[in-house]
Amino acid sequence: MSRCEDEPVPRTGRPPRINRDEILVATRALIDRDGWETLTMRKLAAEVGVAATTLYHHVRDKEDLLIQLLDYYADEIKRPELPGDPRERVVLTALAMHDALAAWPWITEVLTADDLVGEAALWVTEEIMAAAVDSGRTLDEAVYVYRTIWYYTAGEIMIKARGARRRAEGQPNYRDAVLRKQTHRPTVHAVAERWPELSMRDTYEAGLRALVNGLLSA
């Protein structure tokens, strides 16, 4: 019987030991290299040089592994000092969330694709919802406030990350070529040549503040 390519080679002697932190560090390296969609327990076992059964002493399955990794990463996020003003609390909390996710964009894809969430990251949800309630919103409205900010943040990160990936891979940008042809749409055509530069500007905080002002307005 032939051996599967990503199955770890058996070793002689004492079985190798591995701890949770080593597993999570290896998982992050594997995801950074190959993407989270291709992650399997067997592939991770091959990466760290242990039997797949060894991993199950620390994680139940791939979903549990990703949740543990999210918590591990969330624990590293520096929480900002939050002021009493509800709007500013929402803004600063959302900025901390954005900066953490932008540094590792694949997390955003995991969170939006599988609806996974780790306990360590729930302080973001709590702070935004609590600030919304303090501003006079109901609990139902606070959920809406959080989800709206989350959608805005996730969309901004994923669009920029995918655009950067396409540019790094040298893939053609069809949008810019199409915009230059829009002579019958004068407003769009007027900025067609500057669109790449304009679309690369970091406008997240300005957009966030406008969004929060609208969501928490009386």
Protein backbone atom coordinates (compact mmCIF):
# COMPACT_ATOMS: atom_id res chain seq x y z
CA MET A 1 0.00 0.00 0.00
CA SER A 2 1.43 3.41 -0.95
CA ARG A 3 1.74 6.10 1.70
CA CYS A 4 -0.30 9.32 1.38
CA GLU A 5 1.94 12.28 0.50
CA ASP A 6 1.09 14.34 3.55
CA GLU A 7 1.13 11.44 6.03
CA PRO A 8 3.99 11.84 8.50
CA VAL A 9 6.89 9.39 8.23
CA PRO A 10 6.90 7.07 11.26
CA ARG A 11 9.84 7.45 13.63
CA THR A 12 11.55 4.87 15.76
CA GLY A 13 12.25 5.25 19.45
CA ARG A 14 10.35 7.45 21.87
CA PRO A 15 7.25 9.17 20.36
CA PRO A 16 7.81 12.91 19.76
CA ARG A 17 6.23 15.30 22.25
CA ILE A 18 4.42 18.45 21.20
CA ASN A 19 2.43 21.03 23.13
CA ARG A 20 -0.52 23.24 22.26
CA ASP A 21 1.54 26.36 21.54
CA GLU A 22 3.78 24.46 19.13
CA ILE A 23 0.72 23.13 17.33
CA LEU A 24 -0.79 26.59 16.99
CA VAL A 25 2.47 28.16 15.78
CA ALA A 26 2.81 25.40 13.18
CA THR A 27 -0.83 25.86 12.14
CA ARG A 28 -0.28 29.56 11.58
CA ALA A 29 2.83 28.90 9.49
CA LEU A 30 0.98 26.31 7.43
CA ILE A 31 -1.96 28.63 6.83
CA ASP A 32 0.31 31.54 5.90
CA ARG A 33 1.97 29.33 3.33
CA ASP A 34 -0.90 27.32 1.87
CA GLY A 35 -4.14 29.05 2.96
CA TRP A 36 -6.64 27.99 5.61
CA GLU A 37 -8.95 26.20 3.16
CA THR A 38 -6.38 23.45 2.55
CA LEU A 39 -5.69 22.85 6.23
CA THR A 40 -6.27 19.28 7.43
CA MET A 41 -5.23 17.50 10.60
CA ARG A 42 -3.19 15.04 8.56
CA LYS A 43 -1.39 17.84 6.77
CA LEU A 44 -0.64 19.58 10.07
CA ALA A 45 0.67 16.34 11.54
CA ALA A 46 3.06 16.01 8.61
CA GLU A 47 4.15 19.61 9.13
CA VAL A 48 5.15 19.05 12.75
CA GLY A 49 6.38 15.49 12.26
CA VAL A 50 3.99 13.61 14.51
CA ALA A 51 1.19 11.12 14.03
CA ALA A 52 -2.23 12.65 13.49
CA THR A 53 -3.46 10.86 16.62
CA THR A 54 -0.97 12.89 18.67
CA LEU A 55 -2.72 16.12 17.64
CA TYR A 56 -6.04 14.84 18.96
CA HIS A 57 -4.66 14.96 22.49
CA HIS A 58 -4.78 18.77 22.12
CA VAL A 59 -7.57 19.50 19.60
CA ARG A 60 -10.80 17.69 18.71
CA ASP A 61 -10.90 18.49 15.00
CA LYS A 62 -10.14 21.20 12.44
CA GLU A 63 -12.92 23.47 13.72
CA ASP A 64 -11.64 23.24 17.29
CA LEU A 65 -8.11 23.91 16.02
CA LEU A 66 -9.22 27.08 14.25
CA ILE A 67 -11.15 28.30 17.30
CA GLN A 68 -8.10 27.72 19.51
CA LEU A 69 -5.96 29.56 16.98
CA LEU A 70 -8.38 32.50 16.95
CA ASP A 71 -8.26 32.67 20.75
CA TYR A 72 -4.48 32.39 20.73
CA TYR A 73 -4.24 35.29 18.32
CA ALA A 74 -6.92 37.36 20.09
CA ASP A 75 -4.99 37.09 23.35
CA GLU A 76 -2.13 38.94 21.66
CA ILE A 77 -4.28 41.93 20.66
CA LYS A 78 -3.55 44.97 22.77
CA ARG A 79 -6.79 46.41 24.12
CA PRO A 80 -6.97 50.20 23.93
CA GLU A 81 -7.75 52.45 26.85
CA LEU A 82 -11.40 53.24 26.28
CA PRO A 83 -12.99 56.62 27.10
CA GLY A 84 -16.42 57.18 28.57
CA ASP A 85 -17.92 58.64 25.39
CA PRO A 86 -19.87 55.81 23.71
CA ARG A 87 -19.10 56.85 20.14
CA GLU A 88 -15.38 57.09 20.78
CA ARG A 89 -15.46 53.73 22.57
CA VAL A 90 -17.01 52.12 19.52
CA VAL A 91 -14.48 53.76 17.20
CA LEU A 92 -11.41 52.78 19.24
CA THR A 93 -12.65 49.22 19.72
CA ALA A 94 -13.38 48.83 16.02
CA LEU A 95 -9.96 50.26 15.14
CA ALA A 96 -8.27 47.71 17.39
CA MET A 97 -10.28 44.93 15.71
CA HIS A 98 -9.45 46.27 12.25
CA ASP A 99 -5.72 46.59 12.89
CA ALA A 100 -5.49 43.08 14.32
CA LEU A 101 -7.38 41.52 11.42
CA ALA A 102 -5.53 43.54 8.77
CA ALA A 103 -2.25 42.10 10.05
CA TRP A 104 -3.56 38.58 9.37
CA PRO A 105 -6.40 38.88 6.80
CA TRP A 106 -7.16 35.15 6.49
CA ILE A 107 -8.77 35.28 9.94
CA THR A 108 -11.47 37.50 8.47
CA GLU A 109 -12.18 34.91 5.79
CA VAL A 110 -12.48 32.17 8.42
CA LEU A 111 -14.82 34.25 10.57
CA THR A 112 -17.09 35.15 7.65
CA ALA A 113 -17.02 31.75 5.94
CA ASP A 114 -17.54 29.42 8.90
CA ASP A 115 -19.10 31.78 11.46
CA LEU A 116 -16.50 30.65 13.99
CA VAL A 117 -15.76 32.76 17.02
CA GLY A 118 -13.38 32.34 19.90
CA GLU A 119 -14.17 33.44 23.44
CA ALA A 120 -11.06 35.64 23.69
CA ALA A 121 -12.28 37.94 20.91
CA LEU A 122 -15.75 38.52 22.35
CA TRP A 123 -14.54 41.58 24.26
CA VAL A 124 -14.84 43.46 20.94
CA THR A 125 -18.50 42.50 20.59
CA GLU A 126 -19.16 43.31 24.25
CA GLU A 127 -17.54 46.76 24.13
CA ILE A 128 -19.29 47.83 20.94
CA MET A 129 -22.70 46.59 22.08
CA ALA A 130 -22.31 48.06 25.58
CA ALA A 131 -21.33 51.43 24.12
CA ALA A 132 -24.36 51.31 21.82
CA VAL A 133 -26.63 50.62 24.80
CA ASP A 134 -24.99 53.47 26.75
CA SER A 135 -25.80 55.76 23.83
CA GLY A 136 -29.51 54.94 24.13
CA ARG A 137 -29.87 51.99 21.77
CA THR A 138 -31.85 48.89 22.74
CA LEU A 139 -30.15 45.49 22.91
CA ASP A 140 -31.64 44.56 19.54
CA GLU A 141 -30.32 47.79 18.07
CA ALA A 142 -26.93 47.17 19.69
CA VAL A 143 -26.67 43.88 17.80
CA TYR A 144 -27.43 45.77 14.58
CA VAL A 145 -24.76 48.35 15.41
CA TYR A 146 -22.14 45.65 16.00
CA ARG A 147 -23.03 43.64 12.89
CA THR A 148 -23.02 46.71 10.67
CA ILE A 149 -19.56 47.71 11.90
CA TRP A 150 -18.34 44.12 11.54
CA TYR A 151 -19.60 43.90 7.93
CA TYR A 152 -17.92 47.21 7.09
CA THR A 153 -14.65 46.12 8.69
CA ALA A 154 -14.59 42.62 7.22
CA GLY A 155 -15.44 43.89 3.75
CA GLU A 156 -12.73 46.53 3.83
CA ILE A 157 -10.06 44.05 4.95
CA MET A 158 -11.00 41.29 2.52
CA ILE A 159 -11.23 43.58 -0.50
CA LYS A 160 -7.84 45.15 0.21
CA ALA A 161 -6.20 41.81 0.95
CA ARG A 162 -7.47 40.21 -2.24
CA GLY A 163 -6.49 43.24 -4.29
CA ALA A 164 -2.99 43.16 -2.82
CA ARG A 165 -2.76 39.44 -3.56
CA ARG A 166 -3.76 39.95 -7.19
CA ARG A 167 -1.18 42.70 -7.61
CA ALA A 168 1.53 40.59 -6.00
CA GLU A 169 0.72 37.75 -8.39
CA GLY A 170 0.81 40.15 -11.36
CA GLN A 171 -2.79 39.50 -12.34
CA PRO A 172 -4.42 42.06 -14.65
CA ASN A 173 -6.69 44.73 -13.24
CA TYR A 174 -9.78 44.72 -15.45
CA ARG A 175 -11.54 47.42 -13.41
CA ASP A 176 -9.14 50.21 -14.36
CA ALA A 177 -9.32 49.36 -18.06
CA VAL A 178 -13.13 49.35 -17.94
CA LEU A 179 -13.32 52.68 -16.11
CA ARG A 180 -11.20 54.42 -18.73
CA LYS A 181 -13.78 53.51 -21.40
CA GLN A 182 -16.72 55.09 -19.56
CA THR A 183 -16.86 58.33 -21.57
CA HIS A 184 -20.67 58.15 -21.45
CA ARG A 185 -20.47 58.21 -17.62
CA PRO A 186 -18.72 61.54 -17.09
CA THR A 187 -18.47 61.42 -13.29
CA VAL A 188 -16.77 58.03 -13.29
CA HIS A 189 -14.63 58.88 -16.30
CA ALA A 190 -13.40 62.07 -14.65
CA VAL A 191 -11.56 60.07 -11.98
CA ALA A 192 -10.75 56.96 -14.03
CA GLU A 193 -7.03 57.71 -14.31
CA ARG A 194 -6.78 58.47 -10.57
CA TRP A 195 -8.94 55.56 -9.44
CA PRO A 196 -6.04 53.22 -8.52
CA GLU A 197 -4.48 55.89 -6.31
CA LEU A 198 -7.80 56.94 -4.78
CA SER A 199 -8.89 53.38 -4.07
CA MET A 200 -5.64 52.64 -2.25
CA ARG A 201 -6.09 55.43 0.29
CA ASP A 202 -6.64 54.37 3.88
CA THR A 203 -10.11 55.73 4.57
CA TYR A 204 -11.22 53.11 7.08
CA GLU A 205 -11.25 55.38 10.15
CA ALA A 206 -13.00 58.24 8.35
CA GLY A 207 -15.67 55.86 7.07
CA LEU A 208 -15.97 54.21 10.48
CA ARG A 209 -16.57 57.52 12.24
CA ALA A 210 -19.23 58.49 9.70
CA LEU A 211 -20.87 55.09 10.15
CA VAL A 212 -20.80 55.27 13.96
CA ASN A 213 -22.22 58.80 13.93
CA GLY A 214 -25.11 57.61 11.82
CA LEU A 215 -25.74 54.45 13.86
CA LEU A 216 -25.67 56.21 17.23
CA SER A 217 -27.41 59.43 16.24
CA ALA A 218 -30.46 60.31 18.30
